[in-house]
């Protein structure tokens, strides 16, 4: 019984990962910038 649930959970994770990757690809084509914003010159001086 547990083996069946483990298989279903693994299948769900695989589908979730596939959907996330497809969403990232679509976002890149739309021009969305991924990741943390770069720090500008004034922000960098303030941080130091």
PDB file of N, CA and C in Angstrom:
ATOM      1  N   UNK A   1       0.821  -1.196   0.000  1.00  0.00           N
ATOM      2  CA  UNK A   1       0.000   0.000   0.000  1.00  0.00           C
ATOM      3  C   UNK A   1       0.870   1.267   0.000  1.00  0.00           C
ATOM      4  N   UNK A   2       1.898   1.282   0.844  1.00  0.00           N
ATOM      5  CA  UNK A   2       2.781   2.443   0.904  1.00  0.00           C
ATOM      6  C   UNK A   2       3.544   2.632  -0.401  1.00  0.00           C
ATOM      7  N   UNK A   3       3.850   1.539  -1.062  1.00  0.00           N
ATOM      8  CA  UNK A   3       4.561   1.621  -2.337  1.00  0.00           C
ATOM      9  C   UNK A   3       3.716   2.354  -3.378  1.00  0.00           C
ATOM     10  N   UNK A   4       2.426   2.100  -3.354  1.00  0.00           N
ATOM     11  CA  UNK A   4       1.524   2.763  -4.297  1.00  0.00           C
ATOM     12  C   UNK A   4       1.499   4.267  -4.032  1.00  0.00           C
ATOM     13  N   UNK A   5       1.378   4.647  -2.741  1.00  0.00           N
ATOM     14  CA  UNK A   5       1.368   6.069  -2.397  1.00  0.00           C
ATOM     15  C   UNK A   5       2.693   6.739  -2.755  1.00  0.00           C
ATOM     16  N   UNK A   6       3.795   6.044  -2.556  1.00  0.00           N
ATOM     17  CA  UNK A   6       5.105   6.598  -2.905  1.00  0.00           C
ATOM     18  C   UNK A   6       5.206   6.810  -4.416  1.00  0.00           C
ATOM     19  N   UNK A   7       4.684   5.881  -5.182  1.00  0.00           N
ATOM     20  CA  UNK A   7       4.697   6.015  -6.637  1.00  0.00           C
ATOM     21  C   UNK A   7       3.851   7.186  -7.106  1.00  0.00           C
ATOM     22  N   UNK A   8       2.685   7.349  -6.482  1.00  0.00           N
ATOM     23  CA  UNK A   8       1.816   8.478  -6.835  1.00  0.00           C
ATOM     24  C   UNK A   8       2.490   9.796  -6.482  1.00  0.00           C
ATOM     25  N   UNK A   9       3.119   9.873  -5.307  1.00  0.00           N
ATOM     26  CA  UNK A   9       3.802  11.098  -4.883  1.00  0.00           C
ATOM     27  C   UNK A   9       4.944  11.438  -5.835  1.00  0.00           C
ATOM     28  N   UNK A  10       5.688  10.430  -6.257  1.00  0.00           N
ATOM     29  CA  UNK A  10       6.793  10.658  -7.192  1.00  0.00           C
ATOM     30  C   UNK A  10       6.261  11.166  -8.534  1.00  0.00           C
ATOM     31  N   UNK A  11       5.159  10.600  -8.981  1.00  0.00           N
ATOM     32  CA  UNK A  11       4.532  11.036 -10.228  1.00  0.00           C
ATOM     33  C   UNK A  11       4.082  12.494 -10.127  1.00  0.00           C
ATOM     34  N   UNK A  12       3.470  12.857  -8.985  1.00  0.00           N
ATOM     35  CA  UNK A  12       3.018  14.237  -8.763  1.00  0.00           C
ATOM     36  C   UNK A  12       4.198  15.211  -8.788  1.00  0.00           C
ATOM     37  N   UNK A  13       5.301  14.838  -8.129  1.00  0.00           N
ATOM     38  CA  UNK A  13       6.487  15.700  -8.116  1.00  0.00           C
ATOM     39  C   UNK A  13       7.023  15.910  -9.523  1.00  0.00           C
ATOM     40  N   UNK A  14       7.021  14.852 -10.309  1.00  0.00           N
ATOM     41  CA  UNK A  14       7.520  14.936 -11.685  1.00  0.00           C
ATOM     42  C   UNK A  14       6.659  15.888 -12.515  1.00  0.00           C
ATOM     43  N   UNK A  15       5.343  15.798 -12.363  1.00  0.00           N
ATOM     44  CA  UNK A  15       4.437  16.676 -13.101  1.00  0.00           C
ATOM     45  C   UNK A  15       4.612  18.123 -12.642  1.00  0.00           C
ATOM     46  N   UNK A  16       4.748  18.339 -11.316  1.00  0.00           N
ATOM     47  CA  UNK A  16       4.945  19.685 -10.787  1.00  0.00           C
ATOM     48  C   UNK A  16       6.224  20.313 -11.336  1.00  0.00           C
ATOM     49  N   UNK A  17       7.297  19.550 -11.362  1.00  0.00           N
ATOM     50  CA  UNK A  17       8.567  20.045 -11.879  1.00  0.00           C
ATOM     51  C   UNK A  17       8.450  20.406 -13.356  1.00  0.00           C
ATOM     52  N   UNK A  18       7.752  19.581 -14.109  1.00  0.00           N
ATOM     53  CA  UNK A  18       7.563  19.848 -15.534  1.00  0.00           C
ATOM     54  C   UNK A  18       6.781  21.148 -15.737  1.00  0.00           C
ATOM     55  N   UNK A  19       5.709  21.360 -14.946  1.00  0.00           N
ATOM     56  CA  UNK A  19       4.917  22.586 -15.069  1.00  0.00           C
ATOM     57  C   UNK A  19       5.728  23.820 -14.691  1.00  0.00           C
ATOM     58  N   UNK A  20       6.539  23.704 -13.648  1.00  0.00           N
ATOM     59  CA  UNK A  20       7.380  24.836 -13.234  1.00  0.00           C
ATOM     60  C   UNK A  20       8.374  25.194 -14.331  1.00  0.00           C
ATOM     61  N   UNK A  21       9.006  24.198 -14.910  1.00  0.00           N
ATOM     62  CA  UNK A  21       9.975  24.454 -15.983  1.00  0.00           C
ATOM     63  C   UNK A  21       9.307  25.082 -17.200  1.00  0.00           C
ATOM     64  N   UNK A  22       8.106  24.618 -17.544  1.00  0.00           N
ATOM     65  CA  UNK A  22       7.391  25.209 -18.670  1.00  0.00           C
ATOM     66  C   UNK A  22       7.051  26.666 -18.378  1.00  0.00           C
ATOM     67  N   UNK A  23       6.648  26.948 -17.150  1.00  0.00           N
ATOM     68  CA  UNK A  23       6.342  28.323 -16.762  1.00  0.00           C
ATOM     69  C   UNK A  23       7.561  29.221 -16.839  1.00  0.00           C
ATOM     70  N   UNK A  24       8.713  28.701 -16.426  1.00  0.00           N
ATOM     71  CA  UNK A  24       9.952  29.481 -16.514  1.00  0.00           C
ATOM     72  C   UNK A  24      10.306  29.789 -17.963  1.00  0.00           C
ATOM     73  N   UNK A  25      10.161  28.810 -18.829  1.00  0.00           N
ATOM     74  CA  UNK A  25      10.469  29.009 -20.250  1.00  0.00           C
ATOM     75  C   UNK A  25       9.547  30.066 -20.845  1.00  0.00           C
ATOM     76  N   UNK A  26       8.261  30.002 -20.526  1.00  0.00           N
ATOM     77  CA  UNK A  26       7.311  31.000 -21.025  1.00  0.00           C
ATOM     78  C   UNK A  26       7.677  32.382 -20.500  1.00  0.00           C
ATOM     79  N   UNK A  27       8.051  32.470 -19.228  1.00  0.00           N
ATOM     80  CA  UNK A  27       8.424  33.763 -18.639  1.00  0.00           C
ATOM     81  C   UNK A  27       9.660  34.339 -19.324  1.00  0.00           C
ATOM     82  N   UNK A  28      10.629  33.495 -19.650  1.00  0.00           N
ATOM     83  CA  UNK A  28      11.840  33.966 -20.331  1.00  0.00           C
ATOM     84  C   UNK A  28      11.484  34.513 -21.714  1.00  0.00           C
ATOM     85  N   UNK A  29      10.598  33.828 -22.436  1.00  0.00           N
ATOM     86  CA  UNK A  29      10.181  34.321 -23.749  1.00  0.00           C
ATOM     87  C   UNK A  29       9.436  35.645 -23.645  1.00  0.00           C
ATOM     88  N   UNK A  30       8.726  35.860 -22.524  1.00  0.00           N
ATOM     89  CA  UNK A  30       7.998  37.119 -22.321  1.00  0.00           C
ATOM     90  C   UNK A  30       8.917  38.237 -21.859  1.00  0.00           C
ATOM     91  N   UNK A  31      10.160  37.904 -21.525  1.00  0.00           N
ATOM     92  CA  UNK A  31      11.126  38.920 -21.130  1.00  0.00           C
ATOM     93  C   UNK A  31      11.210  39.162 -19.636  1.00  0.00           C
ATOM     94  N   UNK A  32      10.659  38.266 -18.847  1.00  0.00           N
ATOM     95  CA  UNK A  32      10.718  38.417 -17.394  1.00  0.00           C
ATOM     96  C   UNK A  32      12.135  38.113 -16.930  1.00  0.00           C
ATOM     97  N   UNK A  33      12.674  38.983 -16.095  1.00  0.00           N
ATOM     98  CA  UNK A  33      14.024  38.758 -15.576  1.00  0.00           C
ATOM     99  C   UNK A  33      13.928  37.921 -14.308  1.00  0.00           C
ATOM    100  N   UNK A  34      14.692  36.865 -14.253  1.00  0.00           N
ATOM    101  CA  UNK A  34      14.662  35.954 -13.113  1.00  0.00           C
ATOM    102  C   UNK A  34      15.758  36.319 -12.121  1.00  0.00           C
ATOM    103  N   UNK A  35      15.526  35.999 -10.875  1.00  0.00           N
ATOM    104  CA  UNK A  35      16.556  36.149  -9.859  1.00  0.00           C
ATOM    105  C   UNK A  35      16.493  37.458  -9.103  1.00  0.00           C
ATOM    106  N   UNK A  36      17.471  37.629  -8.267  1.00  0.00           N
ATOM    107  CA  UNK A  36      17.572  38.796  -7.409  1.00  0.00           C
ATOM    108  C   UNK A  36      17.958  40.014  -8.237  1.00  0.00           C
ATOM    109  N   UNK A  37      17.348  41.164  -7.964  1.00  0.00           N
ATOM    110  CA  UNK A  37      17.732  42.367  -8.706  1.00  0.00           C
ATOM    111  C   UNK A  37      19.178  42.757  -8.412  1.00  0.00           C
ATOM    112  N   UNK A  38      19.858  43.304  -9.405  1.00  0.00           N
ATOM    113  CA  UNK A  38      21.240  43.741  -9.222  1.00  0.00           C
ATOM    114  C   UNK A  38      21.262  44.999  -8.375  1.00  0.00           C
ATOM    115  N   UNK A  39      22.318  45.150  -7.593  1.00  0.00           N
ATOM    116  CA  UNK A  39      22.459  46.356  -6.787  1.00  0.00           C
ATOM    117  C   UNK A  39      23.080  47.447  -7.639  1.00  0.00           C
ATOM    118  N   UNK A  40      22.534  48.640  -7.534  1.00  0.00           N
ATOM    119  CA  UNK A  40      23.048  49.770  -8.300  1.00  0.00           C
ATOM    120  C   UNK A  40      24.240  50.392  -7.597  1.00  0.00           C
ATOM    121  N   UNK A  41      24.803  51.427  -8.191  1.00  0.00           N
ATOM    122  CA  UNK A  41      25.979  52.090  -7.636  1.00  0.00           C
ATOM    123  C   UNK A  41      25.711  52.701  -6.275  1.00  0.00           C
ATOM    124  N   UNK A  42      24.581  53.395  -6.119  1.00  0.00           N
ATOM    125  CA  UNK A  42      24.297  54.044  -4.831  1.00  0.00           C
ATOM    126  C   UNK A  42      23.985  53.020  -3.755  1.00  0.00           C
ATOM    127  N   UNK A  43      23.305  51.955  -4.116  1.00  0.00           N
ATOM    128  CA  UNK A  43      23.009  50.906  -3.138  1.00  0.00           C
ATOM    129  C   UNK A  43      24.290  50.220  -2.689  1.00  0.00           C
ATOM    130  N   UNK A  44      25.212  50.024  -3.609  1.00  0.00           N
ATOM    131  CA  UNK A  44      26.475  49.379  -3.284  1.00  0.00           C
ATOM    132  C   UNK A  44      27.302  50.264  -2.359  1.00  0.00           C
ATOM    133  N   UNK A  45      27.340  51.564  -2.627  1.00  0.00           N
ATOM    134  CA  UNK A  45      28.078  52.486  -1.758  1.00  0.00           C
ATOM    135  C   UNK A  45      27.460  52.533  -0.366  1.00  0.00           C
ATOM    136  N   UNK A  46      26.135  52.502  -0.298  1.00  0.00           N
ATOM    137  CA  UNK A  46      25.449  52.533   0.992  1.00  0.00           C
ATOM    138  C   UNK A  46      25.745  51.265   1.790  1.00  0.00           C
ATOM    139  N   UNK A  47      25.811  50.127   1.100  1.00  0.00           N
ATOM    140  CA  UNK A  47      26.058  48.856   1.772  1.00  0.00           C
ATOM    141  C   UNK A  47      27.471  48.801   2.348  1.00  0.00           C
ATOM    142  N   UNK A  48      28.418  49.453   1.692  1.00  0.00           N
ATOM    143  CA  UNK A  48      29.795  49.433   2.175  1.00  0.00           C
ATOM    144  C   UNK A  48      29.952  50.445   3.277  1.00  0.00           C
TER     145      UNK A  48
END
